[in-house]
Amino acid sequence: CYFHWKGCLRFNLGKKNCLEELKGNAVFQVGVDLIYLLNWVPIEYVRIAWCEIVKVFIVENVITDSNKEAISTFLEYVEDTWIGSVDDEGNVQRPLFEISIWNNCENVKQNRMTTNNLVESWNSHWNSMMGSNPGIWEIIIAFQCEDSLSEAKYYEHLAGLDVESNPARKKRNLKKYASIKSCILKFEEVVSKKGYSRKELRKFLLALNKIA
């Protein structure tokens, strides 16, 4: 889920004492935005983008004597957890979470969901309906109500009567993901014809940054 992955990064910016630097340093904000963009980069180019562009940008343009320890610790967290660090012998170590778990490039290309907001919304609805410490009969009745509601929504969908709670936001998101998909496909087409180049990868990230 893109939302929760981004939340993990944000949480660890605070945990590594980088939030104050983030708030007051526009260049660091750009660097963090570049990290977020890795979510849309084709899996085989994520590590390349991190090593050749994103990390280099932060190290060369953000780190100073006063913030070196905090930001270096955050970069180590990103590598160890999401990208894969390099040991003393030059071997790439497996990250805590494989790139294929958190990367959403294929989801965008296949027009699949990139967040689990619908699940979170249902979970919130269920918890508010159940309250605390419900009895067995309350749980049974709640399941029956949920089943009836789901069946009603199913037939509404078949009849074309779906009601979007926020149609303007849905339209914006559809437009955004269509643009991201277009960027991804264009980058992959260029690479397939000309081969990989850092210049094209940089252009791809810049294009994504204008959208995402």
N, C-alpha and C. Protein backbone atom coordinates (compact mmCIF):
# COMPACT_ATOMS: atom_id res chain seq x y z
N CYS A 1 0.85 -1.20 0.00
CA CYS A 1 0.00 0.00 0.00
C CYS A 1 0.89 1.25 0.00
N TYR A 2 0.73 2.08 -1.04
CA TYR A 2 1.55 3.28 -1.17
C TYR A 2 1.39 4.20 0.03
N PHE A 3 0.16 4.36 0.51
CA PHE A 3 -0.10 5.26 1.63
C PHE A 3 0.67 4.84 2.88
N HIS A 4 0.65 3.56 3.20
CA HIS A 4 1.32 3.08 4.41
C HIS A 4 2.83 3.03 4.24
N TRP A 5 3.28 2.70 3.02
CA TRP A 5 4.73 2.72 2.75
C TRP A 5 5.29 4.12 2.94
N LYS A 6 4.59 5.10 2.40
CA LYS A 6 5.00 6.49 2.55
C LYS A 6 4.94 6.90 4.02
N GLY A 7 3.93 6.39 4.74
CA GLY A 7 3.82 6.68 6.17
C GLY A 7 4.99 6.12 6.96
N CYS A 8 5.46 4.93 6.58
CA CYS A 8 6.63 4.33 7.25
C CYS A 8 7.86 5.22 7.07
N LEU A 9 8.06 5.71 5.86
CA LEU A 9 9.19 6.59 5.60
C LEU A 9 9.08 7.86 6.43
N ARG A 10 7.89 8.42 6.46
CA ARG A 10 7.66 9.65 7.22
C ARG A 10 7.89 9.41 8.71
N PHE A 11 7.41 8.29 9.22
CA PHE A 11 7.59 7.96 10.63
C PHE A 11 9.07 7.85 10.97
N ASN A 12 9.84 7.22 10.09
CA ASN A 12 11.26 7.04 10.36
C ASN A 12 12.07 8.31 10.14
N LEU A 13 11.56 9.24 9.36
CA LEU A 13 12.19 10.56 9.31
C LEU A 13 12.15 11.20 10.69
N GLY A 14 11.03 11.02 11.38
CA GLY A 14 10.92 11.52 12.75
C GLY A 14 11.78 10.73 13.72
N LYS A 15 11.75 9.42 13.56
CA LYS A 15 12.51 8.55 14.46
C LYS A 15 14.01 8.79 14.35
N LYS A 16 14.47 9.16 13.15
CA LYS A 16 15.89 9.42 12.94
C LYS A 16 16.24 10.90 13.11
N ASN A 17 15.30 11.66 13.69
CA ASN A 17 15.51 13.09 13.99
C ASN A 17 15.78 13.93 12.74
N CYS A 18 15.01 13.64 11.69
CA CYS A 18 15.20 14.36 10.43
C CYS A 18 14.04 15.31 10.10
N LEU A 19 12.99 15.32 10.89
CA LEU A 19 11.81 16.12 10.54
C LEU A 19 12.09 17.62 10.55
N GLU A 20 12.85 18.08 11.52
CA GLU A 20 13.17 19.50 11.56
C GLU A 20 13.96 19.91 10.34
N GLU A 21 14.89 19.06 9.94
CA GLU A 21 15.67 19.33 8.72
C GLU A 21 14.76 19.34 7.50
N LEU A 22 13.80 18.42 7.49
CA LEU A 22 12.87 18.33 6.36
C LEU A 22 12.01 19.59 6.25
N LYS A 23 11.55 20.08 7.39
CA LYS A 23 10.69 21.27 7.40
C LYS A 23 11.43 22.52 6.94
N GLY A 24 12.71 22.62 7.29
CA GLY A 24 13.45 23.85 7.01
C GLY A 24 14.39 23.79 5.84
N ASN A 25 14.45 22.66 5.15
CA ASN A 25 15.41 22.49 4.07
C ASN A 25 14.68 22.05 2.80
N ALA A 26 14.46 22.98 1.88
CA ALA A 26 13.72 22.69 0.65
C ALA A 26 14.41 21.64 -0.21
N VAL A 27 15.75 21.63 -0.18
CA VAL A 27 16.49 20.66 -0.99
C VAL A 27 16.28 19.25 -0.44
N PHE A 28 16.26 19.12 0.88
CA PHE A 28 16.00 17.81 1.49
C PHE A 28 14.58 17.35 1.16
N GLN A 29 13.64 18.28 1.10
CA GLN A 29 12.27 17.95 0.71
C GLN A 29 12.24 17.34 -0.68
N VAL A 30 13.02 17.91 -1.59
CA VAL A 30 13.13 17.35 -2.94
C VAL A 30 13.70 15.94 -2.90
N GLY A 31 14.73 15.75 -2.06
CA GLY A 31 15.34 14.43 -1.92
C GLY A 31 14.37 13.39 -1.41
N VAL A 32 13.57 13.75 -0.41
CA VAL A 32 12.57 12.82 0.14
C VAL A 32 11.49 12.54 -0.91
N ASP A 33 11.09 13.55 -1.66
CA ASP A 33 10.12 13.34 -2.74
C ASP A 33 10.66 12.34 -3.77
N LEU A 34 11.96 12.42 -4.04
CA LEU A 34 12.57 11.46 -4.97
C LEU A 34 12.49 10.04 -4.42
N ILE A 35 12.64 9.89 -3.12
CA ILE A 35 12.50 8.57 -2.50
C ILE A 35 11.07 8.05 -2.71
N TYR A 36 10.09 8.92 -2.48
CA TYR A 36 8.69 8.53 -2.70
C TYR A 36 8.45 8.07 -4.13
N LEU A 37 9.13 8.70 -5.09
CA LEU A 37 8.93 8.36 -6.50
C LEU A 37 9.41 6.96 -6.85
N LEU A 38 10.28 6.38 -6.02
CA LEU A 38 10.77 5.03 -6.28
C LEU A 38 9.62 4.03 -6.32
N ASN A 39 8.50 4.40 -5.72
CA ASN A 39 7.33 3.52 -5.71
C ASN A 39 6.79 3.26 -7.11
N TRP A 40 7.05 4.20 -8.03
CA TRP A 40 6.51 4.09 -9.40
C TRP A 40 7.56 3.65 -10.42
N VAL A 41 8.79 3.48 -9.99
CA VAL A 41 9.87 3.09 -10.90
C VAL A 41 9.79 1.59 -11.16
N PRO A 42 9.96 1.14 -12.41
CA PRO A 42 10.00 -0.31 -12.67
C PRO A 42 10.98 -1.01 -11.75
N ILE A 43 10.59 -2.15 -11.23
CA ILE A 43 11.34 -2.83 -10.18
C ILE A 43 12.82 -3.00 -10.51
N GLU A 44 13.13 -3.35 -11.74
CA GLU A 44 14.52 -3.61 -12.10
C GLU A 44 15.38 -2.35 -12.09
N TYR A 45 14.73 -1.17 -12.02
CA TYR A 45 15.50 0.08 -12.03
C TYR A 45 15.44 0.82 -10.68
N VAL A 46 14.75 0.24 -9.69
CA VAL A 46 14.62 0.92 -8.40
C VAL A 46 15.98 1.10 -7.74
N ARG A 47 16.74 0.02 -7.65
CA ARG A 47 18.05 0.12 -6.99
C ARG A 47 18.99 1.04 -7.76
N ILE A 48 18.93 0.99 -9.09
CA ILE A 48 19.76 1.86 -9.91
C ILE A 48 19.40 3.32 -9.65
N ALA A 49 18.08 3.60 -9.62
CA ALA A 49 17.63 4.97 -9.37
C ALA A 49 18.08 5.45 -8.00
N TRP A 50 18.02 4.56 -7.02
CA TRP A 50 18.44 4.92 -5.66
C TRP A 50 19.94 5.21 -5.61
N CYS A 51 20.74 4.32 -6.15
CA CYS A 51 22.20 4.45 -6.05
C CYS A 51 22.76 5.57 -6.92
N GLU A 52 22.24 5.72 -8.13
CA GLU A 52 22.84 6.64 -9.08
C GLU A 52 22.24 8.04 -9.05
N ILE A 53 21.01 8.17 -8.55
CA ILE A 53 20.36 9.48 -8.60
C ILE A 53 19.90 9.97 -7.23
N VAL A 54 19.02 9.20 -6.58
CA VAL A 54 18.37 9.68 -5.36
C VAL A 54 19.37 9.85 -4.21
N LYS A 55 20.10 8.79 -3.89
CA LYS A 55 21.04 8.87 -2.78
C LYS A 55 22.15 9.87 -3.07
N VAL A 56 22.64 9.88 -4.30
CA VAL A 56 23.69 10.82 -4.69
C VAL A 56 23.21 12.26 -4.51
N PHE A 57 21.97 12.53 -4.92
CA PHE A 57 21.41 13.88 -4.78
C PHE A 57 21.40 14.32 -3.32
N ILE A 58 20.94 13.43 -2.43
CA ILE A 58 20.85 13.78 -1.01
C ILE A 58 22.24 13.95 -0.40
N VAL A 59 23.15 13.03 -0.69
CA VAL A 59 24.49 13.10 -0.12
C VAL A 59 25.23 14.35 -0.57
N GLU A 60 25.12 14.69 -1.85
CA GLU A 60 25.88 15.81 -2.40
C GLU A 60 25.24 17.17 -2.11
N ASN A 61 23.92 17.21 -1.93
CA ASN A 61 23.25 18.51 -1.83
C ASN A 61 22.61 18.81 -0.47
N VAL A 62 22.51 17.80 0.39
CA VAL A 62 21.78 17.99 1.65
C VAL A 62 22.69 17.85 2.87
N ILE A 63 23.52 16.82 2.88
CA ILE A 63 24.30 16.50 4.08
C ILE A 63 25.35 17.58 4.37
N THR A 64 25.33 18.03 5.63
CA THR A 64 26.34 18.96 6.13
C THR A 64 26.90 18.40 7.43
N ASP A 65 27.86 19.09 8.02
CA ASP A 65 28.43 18.62 9.28
C ASP A 65 27.38 18.55 10.38
N SER A 66 26.42 19.47 10.34
CA SER A 66 25.43 19.54 11.42
C SER A 66 24.34 18.47 11.31
N ASN A 67 24.03 18.02 10.09
CA ASN A 67 22.94 17.06 9.94
C ASN A 67 23.41 15.68 9.47
N LYS A 68 24.71 15.51 9.32
CA LYS A 68 25.26 14.30 8.72
C LYS A 68 24.82 13.03 9.44
N GLU A 69 24.89 13.03 10.76
CA GLU A 69 24.56 11.81 11.51
C GLU A 69 23.10 11.41 11.31
N ALA A 70 22.19 12.38 11.44
CA ALA A 70 20.76 12.08 11.34
C ALA A 70 20.38 11.60 9.94
N ILE A 71 20.81 12.34 8.93
CA ILE A 71 20.42 11.99 7.56
C ILE A 71 21.10 10.70 7.11
N SER A 72 22.35 10.49 7.49
CA SER A 72 23.04 9.25 7.14
C SER A 72 22.33 8.05 7.75
N THR A 73 21.85 8.21 8.98
CA THR A 73 21.11 7.13 9.65
C THR A 73 19.81 6.83 8.92
N PHE A 74 19.15 7.88 8.44
CA PHE A 74 17.90 7.68 7.69
C PHE A 74 18.18 6.97 6.37
N LEU A 75 19.23 7.35 5.68
CA LEU A 75 19.57 6.72 4.42
C LEU A 75 19.91 5.24 4.62
N GLU A 76 20.59 4.93 5.72
CA GLU A 76 20.89 3.53 6.04
C GLU A 76 19.60 2.75 6.28
N TYR A 77 18.65 3.39 6.96
CA TYR A 77 17.34 2.75 7.19
C TYR A 77 16.66 2.43 5.85
N VAL A 78 16.65 3.39 4.92
CA VAL A 78 16.02 3.18 3.63
C VAL A 78 16.67 2.01 2.89
N GLU A 79 18.00 1.98 2.90
CA GLU A 79 18.71 0.90 2.22
C GLU A 79 18.44 -0.45 2.86
N ASP A 80 18.59 -0.52 4.17
CA ASP A 80 18.44 -1.79 4.88
C ASP A 80 17.01 -2.33 4.78
N THR A 81 16.03 -1.43 4.80
CA THR A 81 14.63 -1.84 4.88
C THR A 81 13.98 -2.03 3.51
N TRP A 82 14.29 -1.14 2.56
CA TRP A 82 13.52 -1.13 1.31
C TRP A 82 14.33 -1.40 0.04
N ILE A 83 15.63 -1.12 0.05
CA ILE A 83 16.41 -1.18 -1.19
C ILE A 83 17.40 -2.35 -1.20
N GLY A 84 18.13 -2.51 -0.11
CA GLY A 84 19.19 -3.51 -0.03
C GLY A 84 20.54 -2.83 0.07
N SER A 85 21.22 -3.01 1.18
CA SER A 85 22.52 -2.38 1.39
C SER A 85 23.62 -3.20 0.74
N VAL A 86 24.82 -2.62 0.72
CA VAL A 86 25.98 -3.30 0.13
C VAL A 86 26.99 -3.59 1.24
N ASP A 87 27.45 -4.84 1.33
CA ASP A 87 28.41 -5.19 2.38
C ASP A 87 29.82 -4.77 1.98
N ASP A 88 30.77 -5.05 2.85
CA ASP A 88 32.16 -4.63 2.64
C ASP A 88 32.79 -5.26 1.40
N GLU A 89 32.24 -6.38 0.96
CA GLU A 89 32.79 -7.07 -0.21
C GLU A 89 32.06 -6.68 -1.50
N GLY A 90 31.13 -5.72 -1.38
CA GLY A 90 30.43 -5.26 -2.56
C GLY A 90 29.20 -6.07 -2.94
N ASN A 91 28.77 -6.95 -2.05
CA ASN A 91 27.58 -7.77 -2.32
C ASN A 91 26.32 -7.07 -1.85
N VAL A 92 25.30 -7.08 -2.68
CA VAL A 92 24.03 -6.46 -2.32
C VAL A 92 23.25 -7.39 -1.39
N GLN A 93 22.88 -6.87 -0.23
CA GLN A 93 22.12 -7.65 0.74
C GLN A 93 20.63 -7.51 0.48
N ARG A 94 19.88 -8.53 0.80
CA ARG A 94 18.43 -8.46 0.63
C ARG A 94 17.85 -7.47 1.64
N PRO A 95 16.95 -6.59 1.20
CA PRO A 95 16.32 -5.67 2.15
C PRO A 95 15.33 -6.41 3.05
N LEU A 96 14.92 -5.77 4.10
CA LEU A 96 13.93 -6.37 5.00
C LEU A 96 12.65 -6.68 4.24
N PHE A 97 12.25 -5.76 3.35
CA PHE A 97 11.07 -5.97 2.50
C PHE A 97 11.50 -5.91 1.04
N GLU A 98 11.26 -6.98 0.32
CA GLU A 98 11.64 -7.01 -1.09
C GLU A 98 10.96 -5.87 -1.86
N ILE A 99 11.64 -5.37 -2.86
CA ILE A 99 11.10 -4.25 -3.64
C ILE A 99 9.74 -4.60 -4.25
N SER A 100 9.58 -5.86 -4.64
CA SER A 100 8.32 -6.28 -5.27
C SER A 100 7.13 -6.18 -4.31
N ILE A 101 7.40 -6.14 -3.01
CA ILE A 101 6.31 -6.05 -2.02
C ILE A 101 5.72 -4.65 -1.97
N TRP A 102 6.58 -3.63 -2.03
CA TRP A 102 6.10 -2.26 -1.84
C TRP A 102 6.00 -1.44 -3.11
N ASN A 103 6.67 -1.87 -4.17
CA ASN A 103 6.66 -1.11 -5.42
C ASN A 103 5.32 -1.26 -6.14
N ASN A 104 4.78 -0.15 -6.67
CA ASN A 104 3.46 -0.17 -7.29
C ASN A 104 3.48 0.04 -8.80
N CYS A 105 4.64 -0.08 -9.41
CA CYS A 105 4.74 0.16 -10.85
C CYS A 105 3.79 -0.76 -11.64
N GLU A 106 3.85 -2.06 -11.36
CA GLU A 106 3.00 -3.00 -12.09
C GLU A 106 1.53 -2.78 -11.80
N ASN A 107 1.21 -2.38 -10.56
CA ASN A 107 -0.19 -2.10 -10.23
C ASN A 107 -0.73 -0.96 -11.08
N VAL A 108 0.09 0.07 -11.26
CA VAL A 108 -0.34 1.20 -12.09
C VAL A 108 -0.50 0.76 -13.54
N LYS A 109 0.45 -0.01 -14.05
CA LYS A 109 0.39 -0.45 -15.44
C LYS A 109 -0.83 -1.33 -15.70
N GLN A 110 -1.23 -2.11 -14.69
CA GLN A 110 -2.37 -3.01 -14.84
C GLN A 110 -3.67 -2.40 -14.34
N ASN A 111 -3.62 -1.10 -14.02
CA ASN A 111 -4.81 -0.37 -13.53
C ASN A 111 -5.38 -0.98 -12.25
N ARG A 112 -4.48 -1.48 -11.40
CA ARG A 112 -4.91 -2.03 -10.12
C ARG A 112 -4.74 -0.99 -9.01
N MET A 113 -5.36 -1.26 -7.88
CA MET A 113 -5.28 -0.34 -6.75
C MET A 113 -3.87 -0.27 -6.19
N THR A 114 -3.46 0.92 -5.73
CA THR A 114 -2.13 1.09 -5.13
C THR A 114 -2.20 1.31 -3.63
N THR A 115 -3.40 1.39 -3.09
CA THR A 115 -3.57 1.52 -1.65
C THR A 115 -4.63 0.53 -1.19
N ASN A 116 -4.73 0.32 0.11
CA ASN A 116 -5.80 -0.51 0.66
C ASN A 116 -6.80 0.34 1.42
N ASN A 117 -7.06 1.55 0.91
CA ASN A 117 -7.97 2.48 1.59
C ASN A 117 -9.38 1.91 1.75
N LEU A 118 -9.82 1.12 0.76
CA LEU A 118 -11.16 0.53 0.86
C LEU A 118 -11.25 -0.44 2.04
N VAL A 119 -10.18 -1.21 2.24
CA VAL A 119 -10.15 -2.14 3.37
C VAL A 119 -10.13 -1.37 4.69
N GLU A 120 -9.32 -0.30 4.73
CA GLU A 120 -9.24 0.52 5.94
C GLU A 120 -10.60 1.16 6.24
N SER A 121 -11.28 1.62 5.19
CA SER A 121 -12.59 2.25 5.36
C SER A 121 -13.61 1.25 5.91
N TRP A 122 -13.59 0.02 5.35
CA TRP A 122 -14.52 -0.99 5.83
C TRP A 122 -14.21 -1.36 7.28
N ASN A 123 -12.94 -1.48 7.60
CA ASN A 123 -12.54 -1.84 8.96
C ASN A 123 -13.00 -0.79 9.97
N SER A 124 -12.87 0.49 9.58
CA SER A 124 -13.33 1.58 10.45
C SER A 124 -14.84 1.51 10.64
N HIS A 125 -15.56 1.26 9.54
CA HIS A 125 -17.03 1.14 9.60
C HIS A 125 -17.43 -0.02 10.51
N TRP A 126 -16.75 -1.15 10.37
CA TRP A 126 -17.09 -2.34 11.16
C TRP A 126 -16.84 -2.10 12.64
N ASN A 127 -15.71 -1.51 12.98
CA ASN A 127 -15.38 -1.25 14.38
C ASN A 127 -16.36 -0.28 15.02
N SER A 128 -16.75 0.74 14.27
CA SER A 128 -17.71 1.72 14.82
C SER A 128 -19.08 1.08 15.01
N MET A 129 -19.43 0.15 14.13
CA MET A 129 -20.73 -0.53 14.24
C MET A 129 -20.75 -1.50 15.40
N MET A 130 -19.60 -2.18 15.64
CA MET A 130 -19.56 -3.21 16.67
C MET A 130 -19.40 -2.65 18.08
N GLY A 131 -18.70 -1.51 18.20
CA GLY A 131 -18.44 -0.99 19.53
C GLY A 131 -17.41 -1.86 20.25
N SER A 132 -17.34 -1.74 21.56
CA SER A 132 -16.38 -2.54 22.35
C SER A 132 -17.07 -3.71 23.03
N ASN A 133 -16.37 -4.85 23.03
CA ASN A 133 -16.84 -6.07 23.69
C ASN A 133 -18.25 -6.51 23.27
N PRO A 134 -18.51 -6.70 21.97
CA PRO A 134 -19.85 -7.14 21.55
C PRO A 134 -20.09 -8.60 21.93
N GLY A 135 -21.36 -8.93 22.14
CA GLY A 135 -21.74 -10.30 22.44
C GLY A 135 -21.86 -11.10 21.16
N ILE A 136 -22.00 -12.43 21.30
CA ILE A 136 -22.05 -13.32 20.15
C ILE A 136 -23.24 -13.00 19.25
N TRP A 137 -24.40 -12.66 19.85
CA TRP A 137 -25.59 -12.39 19.03
C TRP A 137 -25.43 -11.05 18.29
N GLU A 138 -24.77 -10.10 18.92
CA GLU A 138 -24.52 -8.82 18.25
C GLU A 138 -23.60 -9.02 17.04
N ILE A 139 -22.63 -9.92 17.19
CA ILE A 139 -21.72 -10.20 16.08
C ILE A 139 -22.47 -10.88 14.93
N ILE A 140 -23.32 -11.84 15.26
CA ILE A 140 -24.09 -12.55 14.23
C ILE A 140 -24.99 -11.59 13.47
N ILE A 141 -25.70 -10.72 14.21
CA ILE A 141 -26.59 -9.74 13.57
C ILE A 141 -25.79 -8.78 12.69
N ALA A 142 -24.60 -8.38 13.17
CA ALA A 142 -23.76 -7.47 12.39
C ALA A 142 -23.33 -8.12 11.08
N PHE A 143 -22.97 -9.42 11.12
CA PHE A 143 -22.61 -10.13 9.89
C PHE A 143 -23.80 -10.22 8.94
N GLN A 144 -24.98 -10.44 9.48
CA GLN A 144 -26.17 -10.52 8.64
C GLN A 144 -26.45 -9.17 7.96
N CYS A 145 -26.31 -8.10 8.73
CA CYS A 145 -26.51 -6.75 8.18
C CYS A 145 -25.48 -6.46 7.09
N GLU A 146 -24.24 -6.83 7.35
CA GLU A 146 -23.17 -6.58 6.39
C GLU A 146 -23.40 -7.38 5.11
N ASP A 147 -23.88 -8.61 5.27
CA ASP A 147 -24.17 -9.44 4.10
C ASP A 147 -25.29 -8.82 3.25
N SER A 148 -26.32 -8.32 3.92
CA SER A 148 -27.43 -7.69 3.20
C SER A 148 -26.97 -6.43 2.48
N LEU A 149 -26.13 -5.64 3.16
CA LEU A 149 -25.61 -4.41 2.56
C LEU A 149 -24.74 -4.71 1.34
N SER A 150 -23.89 -5.73 1.47
CA SER A 150 -23.02 -6.11 0.36
C SER A 150 -23.83 -6.59 -0.84
N GLU A 151 -24.88 -7.35 -0.57
CA GLU A 151 -25.72 -7.85 -1.65
C GLU A 151 -26.44 -6.70 -2.36
N ALA A 152 -26.91 -5.73 -1.56
CA ALA A 152 -27.59 -4.57 -2.14
C ALA A 152 -26.64 -3.77 -3.02
N LYS A 153 -25.41 -3.57 -2.55
CA LYS A 153 -24.42 -2.82 -3.33
C LYS A 153 -24.05 -3.57 -4.61
N TYR A 154 -24.02 -4.89 -4.53
CA TYR A 154 -23.70 -5.70 -5.71
C TYR A 154 -24.74 -5.49 -6.81
N TYR A 155 -26.02 -5.52 -6.42
CA TYR A 155 -27.08 -5.34 -7.42
C TYR A 155 -27.14 -3.90 -7.92
N GLU A 156 -26.79 -2.95 -7.05
CA GLU A 156 -26.71 -1.55 -7.50
C GLU A 156 -25.63 -1.41 -8.57
N HIS A 157 -24.50 -2.11 -8.34
CA HIS A 157 -23.41 -2.06 -9.30
C HIS A 157 -23.83 -2.66 -10.64
N LEU A 158 -24.54 -3.80 -10.60
CA LEU A 158 -25.01 -4.44 -11.83
C LEU A 158 -25.97 -3.53 -12.60
N ALA A 159 -26.74 -2.73 -11.84
CA ALA A 159 -27.72 -1.84 -12.47
C ALA A 159 -27.12 -0.49 -12.86
N GLY A 160 -25.82 -0.31 -12.55
CA GLY A 160 -25.17 0.95 -12.89
C GLY A 160 -25.55 2.08 -11.97
N LEU A 161 -25.89 1.75 -10.74
CA LEU A 161 -26.35 2.77 -9.78
C LEU A 161 -25.31 3.07 -8.71
N ASP A 162 -24.04 2.73 -8.96
CA ASP A 162 -22.99 3.01 -7.98
C ASP A 162 -22.94 4.51 -7.71
N VAL A 163 -22.80 4.85 -6.44
CA VAL A 163 -22.71 6.25 -6.06
C VAL A 163 -21.33 6.50 -5.45
N GLU A 164 -20.51 7.28 -6.15
CA GLU A 164 -19.17 7.61 -5.67
C GLU A 164 -19.28 8.70 -4.61
N SER A 165 -18.71 8.44 -3.42
CA SER A 165 -18.82 9.41 -2.32
C SER A 165 -18.10 10.71 -2.61
N ASN A 166 -17.04 10.64 -3.41
CA ASN A 166 -16.28 11.84 -3.74
C ASN A 166 -15.85 11.76 -5.22
N PRO A 167 -16.79 12.03 -6.14
CA PRO A 167 -16.49 11.86 -7.57
C PRO A 167 -15.36 12.76 -8.07
N ALA A 168 -15.24 13.97 -7.51
CA ALA A 168 -14.18 14.89 -7.96
C ALA A 168 -12.80 14.32 -7.62
N ARG A 169 -12.67 13.76 -6.40
CA ARG A 169 -11.39 13.18 -6.00
C ARG A 169 -11.07 11.94 -6.84
N LYS A 170 -12.09 11.13 -7.11
CA LYS A 170 -11.87 9.95 -7.94
C LYS A 170 -11.40 10.35 -9.33
N LYS A 171 -11.99 11.39 -9.89
CA LYS A 171 -11.59 11.86 -11.22
C LYS A 171 -10.15 12.34 -11.23
N ARG A 172 -9.76 13.08 -10.16
CA ARG A 172 -8.38 13.56 -10.06
C ARG A 172 -7.40 12.40 -9.96
N ASN A 173 -7.75 11.40 -9.14
CA ASN A 173 -6.86 10.25 -8.96
C ASN A 173 -6.71 9.44 -10.25
N LEU A 174 -7.83 9.27 -10.97
CA LEU A 174 -7.76 8.53 -12.23
C LEU A 174 -6.86 9.25 -13.23
N LYS A 175 -6.97 10.56 -13.27
CA LYS A 175 -6.13 11.35 -14.17
C LYS A 175 -4.66 11.25 -13.76
N LYS A 176 -4.41 11.32 -12.45
CA LYS A 176 -3.04 11.23 -11.95
C LYS A 176 -2.41 9.88 -12.30
N TYR A 177 -3.12 8.78 -12.04
CA TYR A 177 -2.55 7.46 -12.28
C TYR A 177 -2.43 7.18 -13.78
N ALA A 178 -3.30 7.76 -14.59
CA ALA A 178 -3.16 7.61 -16.04
C ALA A 178 -1.89 8.30 -16.52
N SER A 179 -1.58 9.45 -15.92
CA SER A 179 -0.35 10.17 -16.28
C SER A 179 0.89 9.42 -15.83
N ILE A 180 0.84 8.84 -14.61
CA ILE A 180 1.96 8.04 -14.11
C ILE A 180 2.18 6.83 -15.01
N LYS A 181 1.10 6.17 -15.39
CA LYS A 181 1.19 5.00 -16.28
C LYS A 181 1.81 5.39 -17.61
N SER A 182 1.40 6.53 -18.15
CA SER A 182 1.94 7.00 -19.42
C SER A 182 3.46 7.24 -19.31
N CYS A 183 3.89 7.83 -18.19
CA CYS A 183 5.32 8.07 -17.95
C CYS A 183 6.10 6.76 -17.89
N ILE A 184 5.55 5.79 -17.18
CA ILE A 184 6.22 4.49 -17.03
C ILE A 184 6.37 3.82 -18.39
N LEU A 185 5.29 3.77 -19.15
CA LEU A 185 5.32 3.10 -20.45
C LEU A 185 6.28 3.80 -21.42
N LYS A 186 6.32 5.11 -21.36
CA LYS A 186 7.23 5.86 -22.23
C LYS A 186 8.68 5.56 -21.86
N PHE A 187 8.98 5.54 -20.56
CA PHE A 187 10.34 5.22 -20.10
C PHE A 187 10.74 3.82 -20.55
N GLU A 188 9.85 2.85 -20.36
CA GLU A 188 10.15 1.46 -20.74
C GLU A 188 10.34 1.33 -22.25
N GLU A 189 9.58 2.10 -23.01
CA GLU A 189 9.72 2.06 -24.47
C GLU A 189 11.09 2.60 -24.89
N VAL A 190 11.49 3.72 -24.28
CA VAL A 190 12.79 4.32 -24.61
C VAL A 190 13.92 3.36 -24.25
N VAL A 191 13.84 2.76 -23.08
CA VAL A 191 14.90 1.84 -22.63
C VAL A 191 14.96 0.60 -23.53
N SER A 192 13.80 0.12 -23.95
CA SER A 192 13.78 -1.07 -24.80
C SER A 192 14.41 -0.80 -26.16
N LYS A 193 14.31 0.44 -26.64
CA LYS A 193 14.85 0.80 -27.96
C LYS A 193 16.31 1.22 -27.88
N LYS A 194 16.66 2.03 -26.87
CA LYS A 194 17.99 2.62 -26.80
C LYS A 194 18.88 2.01 -25.72
N GLY A 195 18.30 1.22 -24.82
CA GLY A 195 19.06 0.72 -23.69
C GLY A 195 19.03 1.71 -22.54
N TYR A 196 19.45 1.25 -21.37
CA TYR A 196 19.40 2.10 -20.18
C TYR A 196 20.43 3.22 -20.26
N SER A 197 20.02 4.40 -19.78
CA SER A 197 20.95 5.50 -19.58
C SER A 197 20.50 6.30 -18.37
N ARG A 198 21.46 6.81 -17.63
CA ARG A 198 21.14 7.61 -16.45
C ARG A 198 20.33 8.85 -16.83
N LYS A 199 20.63 9.40 -18.00
CA LYS A 199 19.93 10.59 -18.46
C LYS A 199 18.44 10.31 -18.61
N GLU A 200 18.08 9.19 -19.22
CA GLU A 200 16.66 8.86 -19.40
C GLU A 200 15.99 8.57 -18.07
N LEU A 201 16.70 7.91 -17.16
CA LEU A 201 16.14 7.63 -15.84
C LEU A 201 15.89 8.93 -15.09
N ARG A 202 16.81 9.87 -15.19
CA ARG A 202 16.64 11.17 -14.55
C ARG A 202 15.45 11.92 -15.14
N LYS A 203 15.31 11.89 -16.46
CA LYS A 203 14.18 12.53 -17.12
C LYS A 203 12.86 11.90 -16.67
N PHE A 204 12.88 10.58 -16.50
CA PHE A 204 11.70 9.85 -16.05
C PHE A 204 11.30 10.29 -14.64
N LEU A 205 12.27 10.39 -13.74
CA LEU A 205 11.98 10.83 -12.37
C LEU A 205 11.46 12.27 -12.33
N LEU A 206 12.04 13.14 -13.14
CA LEU A 206 11.58 14.52 -13.20
C LEU A 206 10.15 14.61 -13.70
N ALA A 207 9.83 13.77 -14.70
CA ALA A 207 8.46 13.75 -15.22
C ALA A 207 7.49 13.25 -14.16
N LEU A 208 7.89 12.20 -13.45
CA LEU A 208 7.05 11.67 -12.36
C LEU A 208 6.83 12.71 -11.28
N ASN A 209 7.89 13.46 -10.97
CA ASN A 209 7.81 14.44 -9.89
C ASN A 209 6.78 15.52 -10.19
N LYS A 210 6.59 15.83 -11.45
CA LYS A 210 5.60 16.85 -11.83
C LYS A 210 4.18 16.34 -11.66
N ILE A 211 4.03 15.00 -11.66
CA ILE A 211 2.70 14.40 -11.57
C ILE A 211 2.36 13.99 -10.14
N ALA A 212 3.29 13.19 -9.56
CA ALA A 212 3.01 12.57 -8.26
C ALA A 212 3.33 13.50 -7.10
